Amino acid sequence: MSLNSHYNHIKITIMNLEINTKTINTRFLSVKECSEILGISYNNLLLMVKCGDIPGFQFNPRSYRIKESDLANYIESKRVQVAHL
């Protein structure tokens, strides 16, 4: 086991707040970045986050972020099987 991988999953407790470092290393995308990836409008994606269709985080009243892995899971969940002709 490498030293780096050993420290990837440490939990830190500061002032009774437990923070999992695995979450800290996660990349968060803005609503604008995600809307560009999906090819939909900013407002439509923001509505999807607010309705809970895509999991997101609200850090302040005007700032939402989406975990890159949650966006990937959402995209994968929309996969359909195309019938062969």
PDB file of N, CA and C in Angstrom:
ATOM      1  N   MET A   1       0.847  -1.168   0.000  1.00  0.00           N
ATOM      2  CA  MET A   1       0.000   0.000   0.000  1.00  0.00           C
ATOM      3  C   MET A   1       0.894   1.232   0.000  1.00  0.00           C
ATOM      4  N   SER A   2       0.628   2.155  -0.926  1.00  0.00           N
ATOM      5  CA  SER A   2       1.434   3.367  -0.968  1.00  0.00           C
ATOM      6  C   SER A   2       0.998   4.333   0.124  1.00  0.00           C
ATOM      7  N   LEU A   3       1.894   5.203   0.489  1.00  0.00           N
ATOM      8  CA  LEU A   3       1.598   6.195   1.523  1.00  0.00           C
ATOM      9  C   LEU A   3       0.440   7.089   1.099  1.00  0.00           C
ATOM     10  N   ASN A   4       0.407   7.470  -0.181  1.00  0.00           N
ATOM     11  CA  ASN A   4      -0.638   8.351  -0.689  1.00  0.00           C
ATOM     12  C   ASN A   4      -2.017   7.699  -0.579  1.00  0.00           C
ATOM     13  N   SER A   5      -2.147   6.436  -0.981  1.00  0.00           N
ATOM     14  CA  SER A   5      -3.452   5.780  -0.925  1.00  0.00           C
ATOM     15  C   SER A   5      -3.906   5.545   0.514  1.00  0.00           C
ATOM     16  N   HIS A   6      -2.953   5.418   1.435  1.00  0.00           N
ATOM     17  CA  HIS A   6      -3.301   5.230   2.832  1.00  0.00           C
ATOM     18  C   HIS A   6      -4.048   6.439   3.384  1.00  0.00           C
ATOM     19  N   TYR A   7      -3.689   7.626   2.931  1.00  0.00           N
ATOM     20  CA  TYR A   7      -4.283   8.849   3.457  1.00  0.00           C
ATOM     21  C   TYR A   7      -5.484   9.333   2.657  1.00  0.00           C
ATOM     22  N   ASN A   8      -5.913   8.610   1.643  1.00  0.00           N
ATOM     23  CA  ASN A   8      -7.037   9.052   0.822  1.00  0.00           C
ATOM     24  C   ASN A   8      -8.378   8.932   1.528  1.00  0.00           C
ATOM     25  N   HIS A   9      -8.488   8.148   2.571  1.00  0.00           N
ATOM     26  CA  HIS A   9      -9.779   7.891   3.196  1.00  0.00           C
ATOM     27  C   HIS A   9      -9.763   8.177   4.695  1.00  0.00           C
ATOM     28  N   ILE A  10      -9.057   9.188   5.098  1.00  0.00           N
ATOM     29  CA  ILE A  10      -8.960   9.550   6.511  1.00  0.00           C
ATOM     30  C   ILE A  10     -10.141  10.425   6.893  1.00  0.00           C
ATOM     31  N   LYS A  11     -10.663  10.224   8.085  1.00  0.00           N
ATOM     32  CA  LYS A  11     -11.693  11.107   8.615  1.00  0.00           C
ATOM     33  C   LYS A  11     -11.048  12.059   9.608  1.00  0.00           C
ATOM     34  N   ILE A  12     -11.383  13.324   9.494  1.00  0.00           N
ATOM     35  CA  ILE A  12     -10.815  14.359  10.348  1.00  0.00           C
ATOM     36  C   ILE A  12     -11.928  14.897  11.241  1.00  0.00           C
ATOM     37  N   THR A  13     -11.635  15.062  12.523  1.00  0.00           N
ATOM     38  CA  THR A  13     -12.605  15.653  13.430  1.00  0.00           C
ATOM     39  C   THR A  13     -12.059  16.985  13.931  1.00  0.00           C
ATOM     40  N   ILE A  14     -12.768  18.057  13.603  1.00  0.00           N
ATOM     41  CA  ILE A  14     -12.388  19.396  14.037  1.00  0.00           C
ATOM     42  C   ILE A  14     -13.617  20.027  14.671  1.00  0.00           C
ATOM     43  N   MET A  15     -13.512  20.395  15.937  1.00  0.00           N
ATOM     44  CA  MET A  15     -14.618  21.033  16.659  1.00  0.00           C
ATOM     45  C   MET A  15     -15.923  20.240  16.492  1.00  0.00           C
ATOM     46  N   ASN A  16     -15.845  18.935  16.710  1.00  0.00           N
ATOM     47  CA  ASN A  16     -16.983  18.023  16.624  1.00  0.00           C
ATOM     48  C   ASN A  16     -17.573  17.901  15.220  1.00  0.00           C
ATOM     49  N   LEU A  17     -16.864  18.358  14.196  1.00  0.00           N
ATOM     50  CA  LEU A  17     -17.309  18.235  12.818  1.00  0.00           C
ATOM     51  C   LEU A  17     -16.431  17.198  12.140  1.00  0.00           C
ATOM     52  N   GLU A  18     -17.043  16.115  11.697  1.00  0.00           N
ATOM     53  CA  GLU A  18     -16.286  15.050  11.056  1.00  0.00           C
ATOM     54  C   GLU A  18     -16.295  15.282   9.550  1.00  0.00           C
ATOM     55  N   ILE A  19     -15.119  15.340   8.967  1.00  0.00           N
ATOM     56  CA  ILE A  19     -14.975  15.564   7.537  1.00  0.00           C
ATOM     57  C   ILE A  19     -14.261  14.366   6.943  1.00  0.00           C
ATOM     58  N   ASN A  20     -14.854  13.769   5.928  1.00  0.00           N
ATOM     59  CA  ASN A  20     -14.230  12.657   5.234  1.00  0.00           C
ATOM     60  C   ASN A  20     -13.377  13.238   4.108  1.00  0.00           C
ATOM     61  N   THR A  21     -12.074  12.986   4.140  1.00  0.00           N
ATOM     62  CA  THR A  21     -11.188  13.567   3.135  1.00  0.00           C
ATOM     63  C   THR A  21     -11.480  13.031   1.739  1.00  0.00           C
ATOM     64  N   LYS A  22     -12.139  11.886   1.634  1.00  0.00           N
ATOM     65  CA  LYS A  22     -12.500  11.377   0.317  1.00  0.00           C
ATOM     66  C   LYS A  22     -13.461  12.348  -0.365  1.00  0.00           C
ATOM     67  N   THR A  23     -14.361  12.959   0.397  1.00  0.00           N
ATOM     68  CA  THR A  23     -15.285  13.944  -0.154  1.00  0.00           C
ATOM     69  C   THR A  23     -14.550  15.212  -0.550  1.00  0.00           C
ATOM     70  N   ILE A  24     -13.575  15.611   0.236  1.00  0.00           N
ATOM     71  CA  ILE A  24     -12.832  16.826  -0.073  1.00  0.00           C
ATOM     72  C   ILE A  24     -12.106  16.689  -1.408  1.00  0.00           C
ATOM     73  N   ASN A  25     -11.588  15.525  -1.717  1.00  0.00           N
ATOM     74  CA  ASN A  25     -10.868  15.313  -2.965  1.00  0.00           C
ATOM     75  C   ASN A  25     -11.791  15.195  -4.164  1.00  0.00           C
ATOM     76  N   THR A  26     -13.080  15.177  -3.958  1.00  0.00           N
ATOM     77  CA  THR A  26     -14.052  15.067  -5.024  1.00  0.00           C
ATOM     78  C   THR A  26     -14.131  16.382  -5.780  1.00  0.00           C
ATOM     79  N   ARG A  27     -14.271  16.302  -7.079  1.00  0.00           N
ATOM     80  CA  ARG A  27     -14.384  17.504  -7.900  1.00  0.00           C
ATOM     81  C   ARG A  27     -15.847  17.938  -7.969  1.00  0.00           C
ATOM     82  N   PHE A  28     -16.076  19.198  -7.688  1.00  0.00           N
ATOM     83  CA  PHE A  28     -17.407  19.779  -7.763  1.00  0.00           C
ATOM     84  C   PHE A  28     -17.485  20.674  -8.992  1.00  0.00           C
ATOM     85  N   LEU A  29     -18.592  20.560  -9.721  1.00  0.00           N
ATOM     86  CA  LEU A  29     -18.796  21.347 -10.930  1.00  0.00           C
ATOM     87  C   LEU A  29     -19.879  22.387 -10.687  1.00  0.00           C
ATOM     88  N   SER A  30     -19.770  23.513 -11.360  1.00  0.00           N
ATOM     89  CA  SER A  30     -20.803  24.535 -11.255  1.00  0.00           C
ATOM     90  C   SER A  30     -22.000  24.121 -12.111  1.00  0.00           C
ATOM     91  N   VAL A  31     -23.120  24.770 -11.868  1.00  0.00           N
ATOM     92  CA  VAL A  31     -24.319  24.493 -12.670  1.00  0.00           C
ATOM     93  C   VAL A  31     -24.047  24.847 -14.128  1.00  0.00           C
ATOM     94  N   LYS A  32     -23.321  25.921 -14.356  1.00  0.00           N
ATOM     95  CA  LYS A  32     -22.995  26.327 -15.731  1.00  0.00           C
ATOM     96  C   LYS A  32     -22.172  25.249 -16.436  1.00  0.00           C
ATOM     97  N   GLU A  33     -21.144  24.719 -15.754  1.00  0.00           N
ATOM     98  CA  GLU A  33     -20.319  23.667 -16.353  1.00  0.00           C
ATOM     99  C   GLU A  33     -21.158  22.441 -16.689  1.00  0.00           C
ATOM    100  N   CYS A  34     -22.029  22.043 -15.769  1.00  0.00           N
ATOM    101  CA  CYS A  34     -22.859  20.855 -15.987  1.00  0.00           C
ATOM    102  C   CYS A  34     -23.858  21.076 -17.110  1.00  0.00           C
ATOM    103  N   SER A  35     -24.435  22.272 -17.187  1.00  0.00           N
ATOM    104  CA  SER A  35     -25.404  22.546 -18.252  1.00  0.00           C
ATOM    105  C   SER A  35     -24.727  22.484 -19.615  1.00  0.00           C
ATOM    106  N   GLU A  36     -23.471  22.936 -19.691  1.00  0.00           N
ATOM    107  CA  GLU A  36     -22.730  22.854 -20.951  1.00  0.00           C
ATOM    108  C   GLU A  36     -22.420  21.403 -21.313  1.00  0.00           C
ATOM    109  N   ILE A  37     -22.083  20.597 -20.322  1.00  0.00           N
ATOM    110  CA  ILE A  37     -21.801  19.173 -20.566  1.00  0.00           C
ATOM    111  C   ILE A  37     -23.049  18.469 -21.094  1.00  0.00           C
ATOM    112  N   LEU A  38     -24.208  18.764 -20.485  1.00  0.00           N
ATOM    113  CA  LEU A  38     -25.449  18.099 -20.880  1.00  0.00           C
ATOM    114  C   LEU A  38     -26.102  18.732 -22.102  1.00  0.00           C
ATOM    115  N   GLY A  39     -25.685  19.932 -22.452  1.00  0.00           N
ATOM    116  CA  GLY A  39     -26.273  20.607 -23.602  1.00  0.00           C
ATOM    117  C   GLY A  39     -27.672  21.133 -23.328  1.00  0.00           C
ATOM    118  N   ILE A  40     -27.925  21.538 -22.076  1.00  0.00           N
ATOM    119  CA  ILE A  40     -29.221  22.108 -21.719  1.00  0.00           C
ATOM    120  C   ILE A  40     -28.986  23.484 -21.100  1.00  0.00           C
ATOM    121  N   SER A  41     -30.057  24.238 -20.932  1.00  0.00           N
ATOM    122  CA  SER A  41     -29.902  25.585 -20.398  1.00  0.00           C
ATOM    123  C   SER A  41     -29.543  25.563 -18.910  1.00  0.00           C
ATOM    124  N   TYR A  42     -28.910  26.635 -18.494  1.00  0.00           N
ATOM    125  CA  TYR A  42     -28.545  26.823 -17.092  1.00  0.00           C
ATOM    126  C   TYR A  42     -29.792  26.731 -16.213  1.00  0.00           C
ATOM    127  N   ASN A  43     -30.864  27.425 -16.612  1.00  0.00           N
ATOM    128  CA  ASN A  43     -32.090  27.450 -15.807  1.00  0.00           C
ATOM    129  C   ASN A  43     -32.736  26.074 -15.691  1.00  0.00           C
ATOM    130  N   ASN A  44     -32.725  25.294 -16.773  1.00  0.00           N
ATOM    131  CA  ASN A  44     -33.292  23.944 -16.702  1.00  0.00           C
ATOM    132  C   ASN A  44     -32.505  23.060 -15.748  1.00  0.00           C
ATOM    133  N   LEU A  45     -31.182  23.147 -15.806  1.00  0.00           N
ATOM    134  CA  LEU A  45     -30.365  22.335 -14.910  1.00  0.00           C
ATOM    135  C   LEU A  45     -30.532  22.781 -13.466  1.00  0.00           C
ATOM    136  N   LEU A  46     -30.599  24.074 -13.238  1.00  0.00           N
ATOM    137  CA  LEU A  46     -30.805  24.580 -11.883  1.00  0.00           C
ATOM    138  C   LEU A  46     -32.135  24.067 -11.326  1.00  0.00           C
ATOM    139  N   LEU A  47     -33.158  24.046 -12.149  1.00  0.00           N
ATOM    140  CA  LEU A  47     -34.452  23.513 -11.729  1.00  0.00           C
ATOM    141  C   LEU A  47     -34.354  22.020 -11.409  1.00  0.00           C
ATOM    142  N   MET A  48     -33.597  21.278 -12.201  1.00  0.00           N
ATOM    143  CA  MET A  48     -33.416  19.840 -11.952  1.00  0.00           C
ATOM    144  C   MET A  48     -32.718  19.609 -10.614  1.00  0.00           C
ATOM    145  N   VAL A  49     -31.762  20.461 -10.269  1.00  0.00           N
ATOM    146  CA  VAL A  49     -31.063  20.335  -8.984  1.00  0.00           C
ATOM    147  C   VAL A  49     -32.024  20.673  -7.848  1.00  0.00           C
ATOM    148  N   LYS A  50     -32.759  21.768  -7.990  1.00  0.00           N
ATOM    149  CA  LYS A  50     -33.685  22.190  -6.938  1.00  0.00           C
ATOM    150  C   LYS A  50     -34.807  21.181  -6.725  1.00  0.00           C
ATOM    151  N   CYS A  51     -35.214  20.483  -7.792  1.00  0.00           N
ATOM    152  CA  CYS A  51     -36.274  19.465  -7.676  1.00  0.00           C
ATOM    153  C   CYS A  51     -35.741  18.125  -7.191  1.00  0.00           C
ATOM    154  N   GLY A  52     -34.416  17.963  -7.164  1.00  0.00           N
ATOM    155  CA  GLY A  52     -33.832  16.714  -6.684  1.00  0.00           C
ATOM    156  C   GLY A  52     -33.587  15.684  -7.762  1.00  0.00           C
ATOM    157  N   ASP A  53     -33.774  16.035  -9.035  1.00  0.00           N
ATOM    158  CA  ASP A  53     -33.490  15.087 -10.118  1.00  0.00           C
ATOM    159  C   ASP A  53     -31.999  14.778 -10.197  1.00  0.00           C
ATOM    160  N   ILE A  54     -31.177  15.784  -9.944  1.00  0.00           N
ATOM    161  CA  ILE A  54     -29.723  15.625  -9.889  1.00  0.00           C
ATOM    162  C   ILE A  54     -29.284  16.087  -8.505  1.00  0.00           C
ATOM    163  N   PRO A  55     -28.556  15.245  -7.764  1.00  0.00           N
ATOM    164  CA  PRO A  55     -28.104  15.664  -6.435  1.00  0.00           C
ATOM    165  C   PRO A  55     -27.148  16.840  -6.540  1.00  0.00           C
ATOM    166  N   GLY A  56     -27.311  17.798  -5.651  1.00  0.00           N
ATOM    167  CA  GLY A  56     -26.435  18.959  -5.654  1.00  0.00           C
ATOM    168  C   GLY A  56     -26.220  19.476  -4.249  1.00  0.00           C
ATOM    169  N   PHE A  57     -25.347  20.446  -4.146  1.00  0.00           N
ATOM    170  CA  PHE A  57     -25.025  21.083  -2.871  1.00  0.00           C
ATOM    171  C   PHE A  57     -25.244  22.577  -3.026  1.00  0.00           C
ATOM    172  N   GLN A  58     -25.837  23.187  -2.012  1.00  0.00           N
ATOM    173  CA  GLN A  58     -26.019  24.629  -2.012  1.00  0.00           C
ATOM    174  C   GLN A  58     -25.127  25.215  -0.930  1.00  0.00           C
ATOM    175  N   PHE A  59     -24.080  25.914  -1.335  1.00  0.00           N
ATOM    176  CA  PHE A  59     -23.114  26.459  -0.396  1.00  0.00           C
ATOM    177  C   PHE A  59     -23.512  27.839   0.103  1.00  0.00           C
ATOM    178  N   ASN A  60     -24.288  28.552  -0.681  1.00  0.00           N
ATOM    179  CA  ASN A  60     -24.863  29.824  -0.273  1.00  0.00           C
ATOM    180  C   ASN A  60     -26.103  30.048  -1.138  1.00  0.00           C
ATOM    181  N   PRO A  61     -26.889  31.071  -0.898  1.00  0.00           N
ATOM    182  CA  PRO A  61     -28.156  31.224  -1.637  1.00  0.00           C
ATOM    183  C   PRO A  61     -28.019  31.264  -3.160  1.00  0.00           C
ATOM    184  N   ARG A  62     -26.855  31.633  -3.676  1.00  0.00           N
ATOM    185  CA  ARG A  62     -26.702  31.753  -5.124  1.00  0.00           C
ATOM    186  C   ARG A  62     -25.701  30.780  -5.725  1.00  0.00           C
ATOM    187  N   SER A  63     -25.204  29.847  -4.947  1.00  0.00           N
ATOM    188  CA  SER A  63     -24.147  28.964  -5.416  1.00  0.00           C
ATOM    189  C   SER A  63     -24.516  27.499  -5.213  1.00  0.00           C
ATOM    190  N   TYR A  64     -24.696  26.791  -6.315  1.00  0.00           N
ATOM    191  CA  TYR A  64     -24.946  25.358  -6.288  1.00  0.00           C
ATOM    192  C   TYR A  64     -23.771  24.664  -6.952  1.00  0.00           C
ATOM    193  N   ARG A  65     -23.433  23.479  -6.439  1.00  0.00           N
ATOM    194  CA  ARG A  65     -22.382  22.668  -7.033  1.00  0.00           C
ATOM    195  C   ARG A  65     -22.870  21.229  -7.131  1.00  0.00           C
ATOM    196  N   ILE A  66     -22.342  20.525  -8.123  1.00  0.00           N
ATOM    197  CA  ILE A  66     -22.724  19.137  -8.378  1.00  0.00           C
ATOM    198  C   ILE A  66     -21.449  18.309  -8.410  1.00  0.00           C
ATOM    199  N   LYS A  67     -21.442  17.206  -7.653  1.00  0.00           N
ATOM    200  CA  LYS A  67     -20.290  16.309  -7.686  1.00  0.00           C
ATOM    201  C   LYS A  67     -20.174  15.708  -9.083  1.00  0.00           C
ATOM    202  N   GLU A  68     -18.948  15.645  -9.561  1.00  0.00           N
ATOM    203  CA  GLU A  68     -18.704  15.084 -10.888  1.00  0.00           C
ATOM    204  C   GLU A  68     -19.251  13.659 -10.989  1.00  0.00           C
ATOM    205  N   SER A  69     -19.102  12.882  -9.931  1.00  0.00           N
ATOM    206  CA  SER A  69     -19.591  11.494  -9.941  1.00  0.00           C
ATOM    207  C   SER A  69     -21.118  11.445  -9.968  1.00  0.00           C
ATOM    208  N   ASP A  70     -21.802  12.414  -9.319  1.00  0.00           N
ATOM    209  CA  ASP A  70     -23.267  12.447  -9.369  1.00  0.00           C
ATOM    210  C   ASP A  70     -23.754  12.780 -10.766  1.00  0.00           C
ATOM    211  N   LEU A  71     -23.060  13.664 -11.456  1.00  0.00           N
ATOM    212  CA  LEU A  71     -23.431  13.988 -12.835  1.00  0.00           C
ATOM    213  C   LEU A  71     -23.234  12.765 -13.725  1.00  0.00           C
ATOM    214  N   ALA A  72     -22.122  12.062 -13.537  1.00  0.00           N
ATOM    215  CA  ALA A  72     -21.862  10.847 -14.326  1.00  0.00           C
ATOM    216  C   ALA A  72     -22.929   9.785 -14.063  1.00  0.00           C
ATOM    217  N   ASN A  73     -23.338   9.630 -12.809  1.00  0.00           N
ATOM    218  CA  ASN A  73     -24.393   8.663 -12.475  1.00  0.00           C
ATOM    219  C   ASN A  73     -25.718   9.054 -13.104  1.00  0.00           C
ATOM    220  N   TYR A  74     -26.027  10.357 -13.109  1.00  0.00           N
ATOM    221  CA  TYR A  74     -27.265  10.828 -13.736  1.00  0.00           C
ATOM    222  C   TYR A  74     -27.249  10.521 -15.234  1.00  0.00           C
ATOM    223  N   ILE A  75     -26.141  10.820 -15.886  1.00  0.00           N
ATOM    224  CA  ILE A  75     -26.029  10.555 -17.325  1.00  0.00           C
ATOM    225  C   ILE A  75     -26.196   9.071 -17.598  1.00  0.00           C
ATOM    226  N   GLU A  76     -25.540   8.242 -16.803  1.00  0.00           N
ATOM    227  CA  GLU A  76     -25.631   6.786 -16.996  1.00  0.00           C
ATOM    228  C   GLU A  76     -27.055   6.285 -16.778  1.00  0.00           C
ATOM    229  N   SER A  77     -27.784   6.897 -15.847  1.00  0.00           N
ATOM    230  CA  SER A  77     -29.152   6.458 -15.566  1.00  0.00           C
ATOM    231  C   SER A  77     -30.106   6.761 -16.719  1.00  0.00           C
ATOM    232  N   LYS A  78     -29.705   7.629 -17.613  1.00  0.00           N
ATOM    233  CA  LYS A  78     -30.557   8.003 -18.751  1.00  0.00           C
ATOM    234  C   LYS A  78     -30.262   7.188 -20.002  1.00  0.00           C
ATOM    235  N   ARG A  79     -29.378   6.226 -19.872  1.00  0.00           N
ATOM    236  CA  ARG A  79     -29.036   5.381 -21.018  1.00  0.00           C
ATOM    237  C   ARG A  79     -30.239   4.531 -21.423  1.00  0.00           C
ATOM    238  N   VAL A  80     -30.474   4.439 -22.716  1.00  0.00           N
ATOM    239  CA  VAL A  80     -31.556   3.595 -23.238  1.00  0.00           C
ATOM    240  C   VAL A  80     -30.962   2.594 -24.217  1.00  0.00           C
ATOM    241  N   GLN A  81     -31.609   1.451 -24.310  1.00  0.00           N
ATOM    242  CA  GLN A  81     -31.196   0.434 -25.266  1.00  0.00           C
ATOM    243  C   GLN A  81     -31.873   0.729 -26.607  1.00  0.00           C
ATOM    244  N   VAL A  82     -31.076   0.904 -27.641  1.00  0.00           N
ATOM    245  CA  VAL A  82     -31.612   1.207 -28.962  1.00  0.00           C
ATOM    246  C   VAL A  82     -31.845  -0.098 -29.698  1.00  0.00           C
ATOM    247  N   ALA A  83     -33.047  -0.247 -30.244  1.00  0.00           N
ATOM    248  CA  ALA A  83     -33.386  -1.465 -30.972  1.00  0.00           C
ATOM    249  C   ALA A  83     -32.656  -1.488 -32.307  1.00  0.00           C
ATOM    250  N   HIS A  84     -32.193  -2.664 -32.695  1.00  0.00           N
ATOM    251  CA  HIS A  84     -31.531  -2.828 -33.989  1.00  0.00           C
ATOM    252  C   HIS A  84     -32.584  -3.079 -35.042  1.00  0.00           C
ATOM    253  N   LEU A  85     -32.396  -2.486 -36.197  1.00  0.00           N
ATOM    254  CA  LEU A  85     -33.364  -2.668 -37.294  1.00  0.00           C
ATOM    255  C   LEU A  85     -33.040  -3.869 -38.113  1.00  0.00           C
TER     256      LEU A  85
END
